[in-house]
Amino acid sequence: MDPPTQWRATTVQACGLWPFAAGSGAPMTGVPLGQHLYTGATVCGDPLSWFTRARYISNPSLFMLGMPGLGKSTLINRMLIGLSATGVIPLVLGDLKPDYADTVRALGGQVISIGRGFGGINVLDPGAMGAAAARIGGEAGEALVAETHGRVLNMVAALITIVRGRPMDDHEQAVLSASLHLLRERTLPGRAVVLPDLLALINEGPDRVRAVTLDRGEESRYRDAVDPLHRSLLGILDGPLGTTFASQTSQRIDPSAPAVCIDISRIGEADTQLTAAAMLAAWSDGLGTVAASHALADAGLTPRRWFFTVLDELWRPLRAATGIVDRIDALTRLNRSLGLGDAKITHTLKDAEALGSDADRAKARGFVERAGMVICAGLPRNEMNELGKVVGLSEREIELVSSWSSPPGWGASGEHEEPPGRGRFLIKVGGRPGIPIRVAITETERNLHNTNTRWVASEVIQEQEQKELWTP
């Protein structure tokens, strides 16, 4: 619904309109998020609507920070539902708890589960991009093939970075690229190669691969050049990542699905390397599907579709290994940005400060600086001061968001008092004043998005015990 025309006047001129005169109006374009904390007006917004329709932001992206348990994923879940109603395709690329799987199922979407011995992803599979390239053909198809090669190369390099704990060397990337090109030429149409095929090719050492190692015909020079890469690939197949990436993809993303969620909640909390690898693989596969959809639309073969990607718990892959920030940046920059909005969610800026190098910390901070929208839930005062250096926050805004990070009061036994910051957010866009909102979820949303499912049973037992204790 288009907002009504707004008029401004001084208090002297507009005094006759009281009590209907009000301050500056709240944005009314996009998904209804909640009520303005001071005026009670409905506030609407999401990265795609504010970029395409309202023109409030120049980049359809959102970065959200806040302490745990204050409703970050609940607000994103509302955006996901609202955008889906307008025809946008939500993509939850790596659901850790899971927070969004039930919502995607309710929308009639596709939920793909990944875990040890349960489901896997073939990172060498061109997936939707390969199918789109074959369908398009010609120069446009060849361009998509080249883009697919770059995406696969970056994904394999990311897995090696996770296993090693450091980035690959430049000559190893050249060996990897040459091997992937040769594998694609050797493989029959309709069959996707897997990591064991890549390992066998490097072990074979064909002339095309040897040429990039400058072995000069000496077997020992070739082995010295490829042995570290060989060991790292063996580590992916038989090491901490298990067999998750060793075989064909258990279930491909359906490009026609109304919503997609890749559920990685079966991976253990302490299994940080596999979690980071699964998230990166899910992002690569999902963003490849987006690129394929836009390529088909550009060729006039399918209608144009818009997508909204959710990258939750960003801190977990960032801490997996040194240099992983480069891989995340490469994965997100390789996608075709037209028609793609994204939401990145983490807890604090200290997630970036915990990275190993100054370069990684600067790049991680860039995720916040480049975001079109920044949404803050409750954060401590010192954290808000640091965020103010990046986003630009007034003293009043810092005080407000800091007050939301306080714990609940000491209620009487049996009472459930929520933290003061739950459901309260500050929306910042550039240098504009922030918009404080209060979100009240519906019963349907509460049933679809209960992030404390494992505590529900214990709460019921505690309530029953209290009733039995105080019943005469």
Protein backbone atom coordinates (compact mmCIF):
# COMPACT_ATOMS: atom_id res chain seq x y z
CA MET A 1 0.00 0.00 0.00
CA ASP A 2 1.41 3.39 -1.00
CA PRO A 3 1.84 5.81 1.90
CA PRO A 4 -0.34 8.95 1.91
CA THR A 5 1.09 12.33 1.01
CA GLN A 6 2.93 13.90 3.93
CA TRP A 7 2.96 17.63 4.73
CA ARG A 8 5.25 19.52 7.07
CA ALA A 9 4.58 22.74 8.93
CA THR A 10 5.75 24.66 11.98
CA THR A 11 4.03 24.16 15.32
CA VAL A 12 2.36 27.57 14.88
CA GLN A 13 0.93 26.72 11.46
CA ALA A 14 -0.14 23.15 12.29
CA CYS A 15 -1.51 23.73 15.78
CA GLY A 16 -5.09 23.75 14.47
CA LEU A 17 -4.71 20.13 13.33
CA TRP A 18 -4.04 18.87 16.86
CA PRO A 19 -4.35 16.06 17.95
CA PHE A 20 -3.87 14.67 14.45
CA ALA A 21 -0.52 16.33 13.79
CA ALA A 22 2.51 14.09 14.39
CA GLY A 23 6.23 13.99 13.89
CA SER A 24 8.00 12.56 10.88
CA GLY A 25 6.17 9.54 9.50
CA ALA A 26 7.49 5.99 9.68
CA PRO A 27 8.42 4.14 6.45
CA MET A 28 5.42 2.32 4.96
CA THR A 29 7.12 0.46 2.12
CA GLY A 30 7.94 -3.23 2.54
CA VAL A 31 7.16 -5.96 5.05
CA PRO A 32 5.27 -4.75 8.18
CA LEU A 33 7.87 -5.15 10.93
CA GLY A 34 6.33 -3.64 14.04
CA GLN A 35 5.37 -0.40 15.74
CA HIS A 36 7.47 2.72 16.20
CA LEU A 37 8.60 2.70 19.81
CA TYR A 38 7.57 6.33 20.43
CA THR A 39 4.69 7.13 18.05
CA GLY A 40 3.10 3.69 17.77
CA ALA A 41 3.00 4.05 13.96
CA THR A 42 3.43 0.90 11.86
CA VAL A 43 6.96 0.58 10.46
CA CYS A 44 7.52 -1.38 7.27
CA GLY A 45 10.77 -2.31 5.63
CA ASP A 46 13.06 -4.90 4.10
CA PRO A 47 16.21 -4.66 1.96
CA LEU A 48 14.53 -5.47 -1.35
CA SER A 49 11.56 -3.09 -1.00
CA TRP A 50 13.71 -0.24 0.27
CA PHE A 51 16.10 -0.74 -2.64
CA THR A 52 13.68 -1.30 -5.53
CA ARG A 53 10.55 0.64 -4.57
CA ALA A 54 11.33 3.22 -1.92
CA ARG A 55 14.92 3.93 -3.06
CA TYR A 56 15.96 4.46 0.55
CA ILE A 57 19.14 2.40 0.18
CA SER A 58 21.65 1.86 -2.63
CA ASN A 59 22.48 -1.75 -1.70
CA PRO A 60 19.80 -4.41 -1.04
CA SER A 61 21.53 -5.86 1.99
CA LEU A 62 20.98 -5.98 5.73
CA PHE A 63 23.39 -6.56 8.60
CA MET A 64 21.96 -7.38 12.04
CA LEU A 65 23.75 -7.42 15.38
CA GLY A 66 22.45 -8.18 18.84
CA MET A 67 22.82 -10.27 21.97
CA PRO A 68 21.40 -13.82 21.89
CA GLY A 69 17.74 -14.36 22.71
CA LEU A 70 16.46 -10.89 21.80
CA GLY A 71 14.63 -11.85 18.61
CA LYS A 72 17.07 -11.30 15.72
CA SER A 73 16.08 -14.41 13.79
CA THR A 74 12.41 -13.80 14.64
CA LEU A 75 12.50 -10.43 12.86
CA ILE A 76 14.29 -11.95 9.85
CA ASN A 77 11.69 -14.73 9.84
CA ARG A 78 8.96 -12.09 9.54
CA MET A 79 10.77 -10.49 6.59
CA LEU A 80 11.09 -13.92 5.00
CA ILE A 81 7.33 -14.58 5.27
CA GLY A 82 6.37 -11.12 4.05
CA LEU A 83 8.71 -11.17 1.05
CA SER A 84 7.51 -14.64 0.11
CA ALA A 85 3.97 -13.25 -0.14
CA THR A 86 5.20 -10.78 -2.77
CA GLY A 87 6.83 -13.46 -4.93
CA VAL A 88 10.39 -13.17 -3.61
CA ILE A 89 12.16 -16.53 -3.09
CA PRO A 90 13.68 -16.89 0.42
CA LEU A 91 16.95 -18.88 0.59
CA VAL A 92 18.16 -19.85 4.08
CA LEU A 93 21.68 -21.04 3.32
CA GLY A 94 22.78 -22.92 6.42
CA ASP A 95 20.14 -23.16 9.17
CA LEU A 96 22.02 -24.05 12.35
CA LYS A 97 19.32 -24.59 15.00
CA PRO A 98 17.09 -24.84 12.81
CA ASP A 99 15.28 -21.50 13.02
CA TYR A 100 13.66 -21.34 9.59
CA ALA A 101 12.97 -24.92 8.44
CA ASP A 102 9.38 -25.02 9.75
CA THR A 103 8.58 -21.68 8.13
CA VAL A 104 9.96 -22.82 4.77
CA ARG A 105 7.87 -26.01 4.98
CA ALA A 106 4.77 -23.95 5.80
CA LEU A 107 5.44 -21.87 2.69
CA GLY A 108 5.54 -25.04 0.59
CA GLY A 109 9.30 -24.78 0.11
CA GLN A 110 12.19 -27.25 0.02
CA VAL A 111 14.19 -28.26 3.12
CA ILE A 112 17.54 -30.00 2.50
CA SER A 113 19.28 -31.64 5.48
CA ILE A 114 23.08 -31.93 5.63
CA GLY A 115 25.09 -33.86 8.24
CA ARG A 116 27.47 -36.72 8.86
CA GLY A 117 26.07 -39.87 7.29
CA PHE A 118 22.79 -38.11 6.52
CA GLY A 119 23.29 -35.90 3.46
CA GLY A 120 26.12 -34.24 1.59
CA ILE A 121 27.04 -31.67 -1.03
CA ASN A 122 29.25 -32.29 -4.05
CA VAL A 123 31.23 -29.06 -4.28
CA LEU A 124 32.36 -29.93 -7.84
CA ASP A 125 28.79 -30.24 -9.10
CA PRO A 126 27.92 -27.26 -11.35
CA GLY A 127 24.30 -27.73 -10.25
CA ALA A 128 21.78 -25.22 -11.52
CA MET A 129 24.46 -23.11 -13.20
CA GLY A 130 25.65 -26.05 -15.31
CA ALA A 131 22.09 -26.91 -16.35
CA ALA A 132 21.40 -23.27 -17.22
CA ALA A 133 24.60 -22.98 -19.29
CA ALA A 134 23.67 -26.07 -21.33
CA ARG A 135 20.17 -24.71 -21.90
CA ILE A 136 21.30 -21.21 -22.89
CA GLY A 137 24.22 -22.19 -25.15
CA GLY A 138 26.26 -19.79 -27.28
CA GLU A 139 28.47 -17.07 -25.83
CA ALA A 140 26.15 -16.48 -22.88
CA GLY A 141 26.34 -20.17 -22.01
CA GLU A 142 30.13 -20.14 -22.21
CA ALA A 143 30.25 -17.11 -19.92
CA LEU A 144 28.12 -18.97 -17.39
CA VAL A 145 30.43 -21.99 -17.66
CA ALA A 146 33.40 -19.74 -16.82
CA GLU A 147 31.52 -18.29 -13.85
CA THR A 148 30.68 -21.81 -12.69
CA HIS A 149 34.36 -22.76 -12.84
CA GLY A 150 35.29 -19.78 -10.67
CA ARG A 151 32.63 -20.64 -8.11
CA VAL A 152 33.75 -24.30 -7.88
CA LEU A 153 37.41 -23.26 -7.63
CA ASN A 154 36.68 -20.88 -4.75
CA MET A 155 34.62 -23.50 -2.93
CA VAL A 156 37.35 -26.18 -3.09
CA ALA A 157 39.90 -23.59 -2.00
CA ALA A 158 37.66 -22.70 0.95
CA LEU A 159 37.49 -26.34 2.07
CA ILE A 160 41.28 -26.63 1.87
CA THR A 161 41.64 -23.40 3.87
CA ILE A 162 39.40 -24.85 6.61
CA VAL A 163 41.35 -28.12 6.78
CA ARG A 164 44.77 -26.43 6.79
CA GLY A 165 43.93 -23.44 8.91
CA ARG A 166 45.61 -21.16 6.36
CA PRO A 167 45.01 -20.11 2.71
CA MET A 168 46.27 -22.02 -0.32
CA ASP A 169 49.44 -21.00 -2.15
CA ASP A 170 49.14 -19.37 -5.58
CA HIS A 171 50.71 -22.26 -7.52
CA GLU A 172 48.32 -24.70 -5.83
CA GLN A 173 45.36 -22.68 -7.06
CA ALA A 174 46.81 -22.86 -10.58
CA VAL A 175 47.09 -26.67 -10.29
CA LEU A 176 43.56 -26.87 -8.95
CA SER A 177 42.17 -24.69 -11.75
CA ALA A 178 43.92 -26.67 -14.49
CA SER A 179 42.73 -29.96 -12.98
CA LEU A 180 39.11 -28.77 -12.81
CA HIS A 181 39.21 -27.65 -16.46
CA LEU A 182 40.61 -31.01 -17.55
CA LEU A 183 38.08 -32.95 -15.47
CA ARG A 184 35.21 -31.05 -17.06
CA GLU A 185 36.49 -31.84 -20.56
CA ARG A 186 36.97 -35.54 -19.77
CA THR A 187 33.64 -36.09 -18.03
CA LEU A 188 30.64 -37.32 -19.99
CA PRO A 189 27.61 -34.99 -20.15
CA GLY A 190 25.11 -35.56 -17.37
CA ARG A 191 27.67 -36.82 -14.84
CA ALA A 192 29.10 -34.58 -12.14
CA VAL A 193 32.67 -35.23 -11.02
CA VAL A 194 33.42 -35.66 -7.31
CA LEU A 195 36.44 -34.92 -5.13
CA PRO A 196 37.89 -38.48 -5.46
CA ASP A 197 38.01 -37.88 -9.25
CA LEU A 198 40.00 -34.69 -8.67
CA LEU A 199 42.35 -36.53 -6.33
CA ALA A 200 42.91 -39.29 -8.89
CA LEU A 201 43.65 -36.77 -11.65
CA ILE A 202 46.28 -34.94 -9.58
CA ASN A 203 47.84 -38.26 -8.65
CA GLU A 204 47.92 -39.23 -12.35
CA GLY A 205 49.70 -36.02 -13.30
CA PRO A 206 48.66 -35.38 -16.92
CA ASP A 207 50.81 -33.02 -19.01
CA ARG A 208 48.32 -30.16 -18.82
CA VAL A 209 48.48 -30.20 -15.02
CA ARG A 210 52.23 -30.72 -14.93
CA ALA A 211 52.77 -27.67 -17.13
CA VAL A 212 51.53 -25.24 -14.46
CA THR A 213 53.89 -26.72 -11.83
CA LEU A 214 57.03 -26.00 -13.95
CA ASP A 215 58.23 -29.56 -13.32
CA ARG A 216 60.36 -29.49 -16.52
CA GLY A 217 59.86 -33.20 -17.00
CA GLU A 218 61.10 -34.17 -13.54
CA GLU A 219 58.76 -36.37 -11.54
CA SER A 220 60.20 -35.26 -8.21
CA ARG A 221 59.56 -31.57 -8.98
CA TYR A 222 55.94 -32.33 -9.85
CA ARG A 223 55.39 -34.33 -6.65
CA ASP A 224 56.98 -31.63 -4.51
CA ALA A 225 54.57 -29.11 -6.06
CA VAL A 226 51.34 -31.11 -5.70
CA ASP A 227 51.93 -33.22 -2.58
CA PRO A 228 50.70 -30.54 -0.10
CA LEU A 229 47.56 -30.10 -2.20
CA HIS A 230 47.19 -33.88 -2.43
CA ARG A 231 47.42 -34.21 1.37
CA SER A 232 44.85 -31.47 1.91
CA LEU A 233 42.37 -33.15 -0.44
CA LEU A 234 42.90 -36.41 1.42
CA GLY A 235 42.24 -34.49 4.62
CA ILE A 236 38.90 -33.30 3.23
CA LEU A 237 37.85 -36.84 2.29
CA ASP A 238 39.14 -38.72 5.35
CA GLY A 239 39.72 -36.02 7.95
CA PRO A 240 37.50 -33.78 10.08
CA LEU A 241 35.01 -33.17 7.27
CA GLY A 242 34.24 -36.87 6.93
CA THR A 243 32.38 -38.02 3.82
CA THR A 244 30.08 -35.00 3.61
CA PHE A 245 31.79 -33.73 0.44
CA ALA A 246 33.06 -37.03 -0.98
CA SER A 247 30.06 -38.14 -3.07
CA GLN A 248 27.24 -36.78 -5.20
CA THR A 249 24.87 -34.15 -3.79
CA SER A 250 22.12 -35.93 -1.84
CA GLN A 251 19.43 -33.42 -2.89
CA ARG A 252 19.86 -30.57 -5.34
CA ILE A 253 18.19 -27.20 -4.86
CA ASP A 254 14.95 -26.95 -6.82
CA PRO A 255 15.12 -23.65 -8.76
CA SER A 256 11.30 -23.54 -8.95
CA ALA A 257 10.71 -23.98 -5.19
CA PRO A 258 8.89 -21.08 -3.47
CA ALA A 259 11.48 -21.15 -0.64
CA VAL A 260 14.62 -23.16 0.20
CA CYS A 261 16.25 -24.00 3.54
CA ILE A 262 19.50 -25.95 3.87
CA ASP A 263 19.31 -27.44 7.36
CA ILE A 264 22.71 -28.18 8.93
CA SER A 265 21.44 -28.49 12.50
CA ARG A 266 22.41 -32.20 12.58
CA ILE A 267 26.08 -31.18 12.71
CA GLY A 268 27.32 -31.02 16.30
CA GLU A 269 27.89 -27.69 18.02
CA ALA A 270 31.56 -28.49 18.65
CA ASP A 271 32.18 -29.60 15.05
CA THR A 272 33.28 -26.12 13.98
CA GLN A 273 35.20 -27.13 10.85
CA LEU A 274 32.37 -29.16 9.35
CA THR A 275 29.84 -26.47 10.28
CA ALA A 276 31.86 -23.77 8.52
CA ALA A 277 32.45 -26.00 5.48
CA ALA A 278 28.77 -26.94 5.22
CA MET A 279 27.71 -23.29 5.48
CA LEU A 280 30.14 -22.23 2.76
CA ALA A 281 29.05 -25.08 0.50
CA ALA A 282 25.40 -24.18 1.07
CA TRP A 283 26.08 -20.52 0.25
CA SER A 284 27.96 -21.46 -2.91
CA ASP A 285 25.20 -23.80 -4.08
CA GLY A 286 22.41 -21.35 -3.24
CA LEU A 287 24.06 -18.32 -4.82
CA GLY A 288 24.84 -20.44 -7.89
CA THR A 289 21.12 -21.18 -8.18
CA VAL A 290 20.41 -17.44 -8.05
CA ALA A 291 22.97 -16.76 -10.79
CA ALA A 292 21.47 -19.52 -12.95
CA SER A 293 17.96 -18.11 -12.53
CA HIS A 294 19.05 -14.64 -13.63
CA ALA A 295 21.01 -16.03 -16.59
CA LEU A 296 17.92 -17.89 -17.80
CA ALA A 297 15.81 -14.76 -17.34
CA ASP A 298 18.36 -12.67 -19.26
CA ALA A 299 18.08 -15.18 -22.14
CA GLY A 300 14.29 -14.89 -22.08
CA LEU A 301 13.81 -18.54 -21.10
CA THR A 302 12.22 -18.01 -17.66
CA PRO A 303 10.49 -15.11 -15.87
CA ARG A 304 12.58 -12.85 -13.64
CA ARG A 305 12.67 -13.94 -10.00
CA TRP A 306 13.97 -12.07 -6.96
CA PHE A 307 15.70 -13.77 -4.05
CA PHE A 308 16.29 -13.03 -0.37
CA THR A 309 19.20 -14.93 1.20
CA VAL A 310 19.62 -15.38 4.96
CA LEU A 311 23.17 -15.93 6.27
CA ASP A 312 22.68 -16.53 9.99
CA GLU A 313 25.35 -17.05 12.69
CA LEU A 314 28.03 -15.44 10.51
CA TRP A 315 30.58 -15.63 13.33
CA ARG A 316 30.92 -19.41 13.06
CA PRO A 317 32.48 -19.66 9.58
CA LEU A 318 34.51 -16.48 10.20
CA ARG A 319 36.36 -18.19 13.06
CA ALA A 320 36.95 -21.49 11.27
CA ALA A 321 40.28 -20.60 9.69
CA THR A 322 42.57 -17.72 8.76
CA GLY A 323 41.63 -16.26 5.39
CA ILE A 324 38.07 -17.61 5.38
CA VAL A 325 36.83 -14.00 5.11
CA ASP A 326 38.32 -13.86 1.60
CA ARG A 327 36.40 -16.97 0.63
CA ILE A 328 33.11 -15.63 1.99
CA ASP A 329 33.72 -12.37 0.16
CA ALA A 330 34.53 -14.24 -3.06
CA LEU A 331 31.41 -16.39 -2.83
CA THR A 332 29.14 -13.40 -2.34
CA ARG A 333 30.85 -11.26 -5.00
CA LEU A 334 30.65 -13.96 -7.68
CA ASN A 335 26.85 -13.93 -7.64
CA ARG A 336 24.94 -11.61 -9.93
CA SER A 337 23.69 -8.95 -7.58
CA LEU A 338 20.63 -7.98 -9.64
CA GLY A 339 17.50 -9.24 -7.93
CA LEU A 340 19.25 -10.57 -4.80
CA GLY A 341 18.84 -9.18 -1.30
CA ASP A 342 20.68 -10.63 1.67
CA ALA A 343 20.63 -10.56 5.45
CA LYS A 344 23.75 -11.34 7.48
CA ILE A 345 23.28 -11.96 11.20
CA THR A 346 25.82 -12.14 14.01
CA HIS A 347 26.14 -11.12 17.65
CA THR A 348 28.68 -8.29 17.93
CA LEU A 349 31.49 -6.53 16.08
CA LYS A 350 33.86 -8.46 18.34
CA ASP A 351 33.17 -11.45 16.08
CA ALA A 352 35.28 -9.60 13.52
CA GLU A 353 37.87 -8.48 16.09
CA ALA A 354 38.48 -12.14 17.03
CA LEU A 355 39.88 -12.91 13.56
CA GLY A 356 43.56 -13.66 13.21
CA SER A 357 44.87 -10.87 10.97
CA ASP A 358 44.31 -7.15 10.54
CA ALA A 359 43.30 -7.71 6.91
CA ASP A 360 40.60 -10.20 7.89
CA ARG A 361 39.29 -7.87 10.58
CA ALA A 362 39.07 -4.99 8.11
CA LYS A 363 37.22 -7.10 5.54
CA ALA A 364 34.76 -8.39 8.13
CA ARG A 365 34.04 -4.82 9.25
CA GLY A 366 33.40 -4.04 5.59
CA PHE A 367 30.36 -6.33 5.70
CA VAL A 368 28.75 -3.80 8.08
CA GLU A 369 29.96 -0.71 6.23
CA ARG A 370 28.60 -1.90 2.87
CA ALA A 371 25.18 -2.96 4.21
CA GLY A 372 22.25 -0.86 3.06
CA MET A 373 20.41 -1.43 6.37
CA VAL A 374 21.91 -2.05 9.80
CA ILE A 375 19.57 -3.33 12.52
CA CYS A 376 20.68 -3.41 16.15
CA ALA A 377 19.10 -5.43 18.93
CA GLY A 378 20.33 -5.03 22.51
CA LEU A 379 24.10 -4.54 22.75
CA PRO A 380 26.42 -3.45 25.60
CA ARG A 381 27.51 0.18 25.81
CA ASN A 382 31.11 -0.41 24.74
CA GLU A 383 29.91 -2.42 21.74
CA MET A 384 27.57 0.39 20.70
CA ASN A 385 30.42 2.88 20.93
CA GLU A 386 32.46 0.74 18.51
CA LEU A 387 29.49 0.31 16.19
CA GLY A 388 28.96 4.07 16.24
CA LYS A 389 32.37 4.53 14.62
CA VAL A 390 31.26 2.38 11.68
CA VAL A 391 27.57 3.26 11.31
CA GLY A 392 27.23 6.68 12.93
CA LEU A 393 25.05 6.60 16.04
CA SER A 394 23.88 9.49 18.19
CA GLU A 395 24.39 9.45 21.96
CA ARG A 396 20.65 8.99 22.45
CA GLU A 397 20.62 5.97 20.12
CA ILE A 398 23.58 4.43 21.93
CA GLU A 399 21.85 4.86 25.28
CA LEU A 400 18.60 3.39 23.98
CA VAL A 401 20.09 0.21 22.46
CA SER A 402 22.42 -0.26 25.45
CA SER A 403 19.42 -0.25 27.79
CA TRP A 404 17.97 -3.17 25.82
CA SER A 405 20.92 -5.42 26.73
CA SER A 406 19.96 -5.52 30.43
CA PRO A 407 18.71 -8.84 31.86
CA PRO A 408 15.13 -9.22 33.15
CA GLY A 409 14.26 -8.19 36.68
CA TRP A 410 14.08 -10.45 39.73
CA GLY A 411 10.49 -11.58 39.31
CA ALA A 412 8.63 -13.71 41.84
CA SER A 413 8.97 -17.48 41.60
CA GLY A 414 7.06 -18.88 38.66
CA GLU A 415 6.75 -15.57 36.78
CA HIS A 416 8.15 -15.29 33.26
CA GLU A 417 9.57 -11.81 32.82
CA GLU A 418 11.17 -11.13 29.44
CA PRO A 419 14.40 -9.14 28.96
CA PRO A 420 13.67 -5.44 28.32
CA GLY A 421 15.27 -5.64 24.89
CA ARG A 422 13.39 -8.61 23.50
CA GLY A 423 11.53 -7.63 20.34
CA ARG A 424 13.08 -4.14 20.22
CA PHE A 425 15.31 -3.03 17.36
CA LEU A 426 16.92 0.11 15.96
CA ILE A 427 16.98 0.42 12.15
CA LYS A 428 19.81 2.57 10.78
CA VAL A 429 20.18 3.67 7.16
CA GLY A 430 23.23 5.79 6.40
CA GLY A 431 23.35 8.99 8.40
CA ARG A 432 19.60 9.17 8.96
CA PRO A 433 18.19 9.06 12.49
CA GLY A 434 17.51 5.50 13.62
CA ILE A 435 13.99 4.08 13.73
CA PRO A 436 13.28 2.26 17.02
CA ILE A 437 10.61 -0.41 16.68
CA ARG A 438 8.81 -2.93 18.87
CA VAL A 439 7.89 -6.30 17.32
CA ALA A 440 4.99 -8.36 18.62
CA ILE A 441 4.76 -11.76 16.96
CA THR A 442 1.55 -13.59 16.16
CA GLU A 443 0.65 -17.02 17.47
CA THR A 444 1.32 -18.54 14.04
CA GLU A 445 4.83 -17.06 14.01
CA ARG A 446 5.38 -18.27 17.57
CA ASN A 447 4.51 -21.84 16.57
CA LEU A 448 6.67 -21.75 13.44
CA HIS A 449 9.66 -20.08 15.04
CA ASN A 450 10.28 -21.40 18.55
CA THR A 451 14.03 -21.13 19.08
CA ASN A 452 13.80 -22.78 22.51
CA THR A 453 12.20 -26.07 21.46
CA ARG A 454 14.54 -28.17 23.60
CA TRP A 455 13.54 -26.23 26.71
CA VAL A 456 9.79 -26.45 26.25
CA ALA A 457 9.45 -29.90 27.80
CA SER A 458 11.45 -28.94 30.89
CA GLU A 459 9.34 -25.77 31.35
CA VAL A 460 6.14 -27.82 31.27
CA ILE A 461 7.56 -30.25 33.85
CA GLN A 462 8.64 -27.36 36.11
CA GLU A 463 5.19 -25.75 35.95
CA GLN A 464 3.53 -29.07 36.78
CA GLU A 465 5.86 -29.64 39.73
CA GLN A 466 5.10 -26.15 41.09
CA LYS A 467 1.38 -26.79 40.83
CA GLU A 468 1.72 -30.09 42.66
CA LEU A 469 3.93 -28.48 45.32
CA TRP A 470 1.49 -25.69 46.14
CA THR A 471 -1.76 -27.62 45.72
CA PRO A 472 -3.16 -28.70 49.16
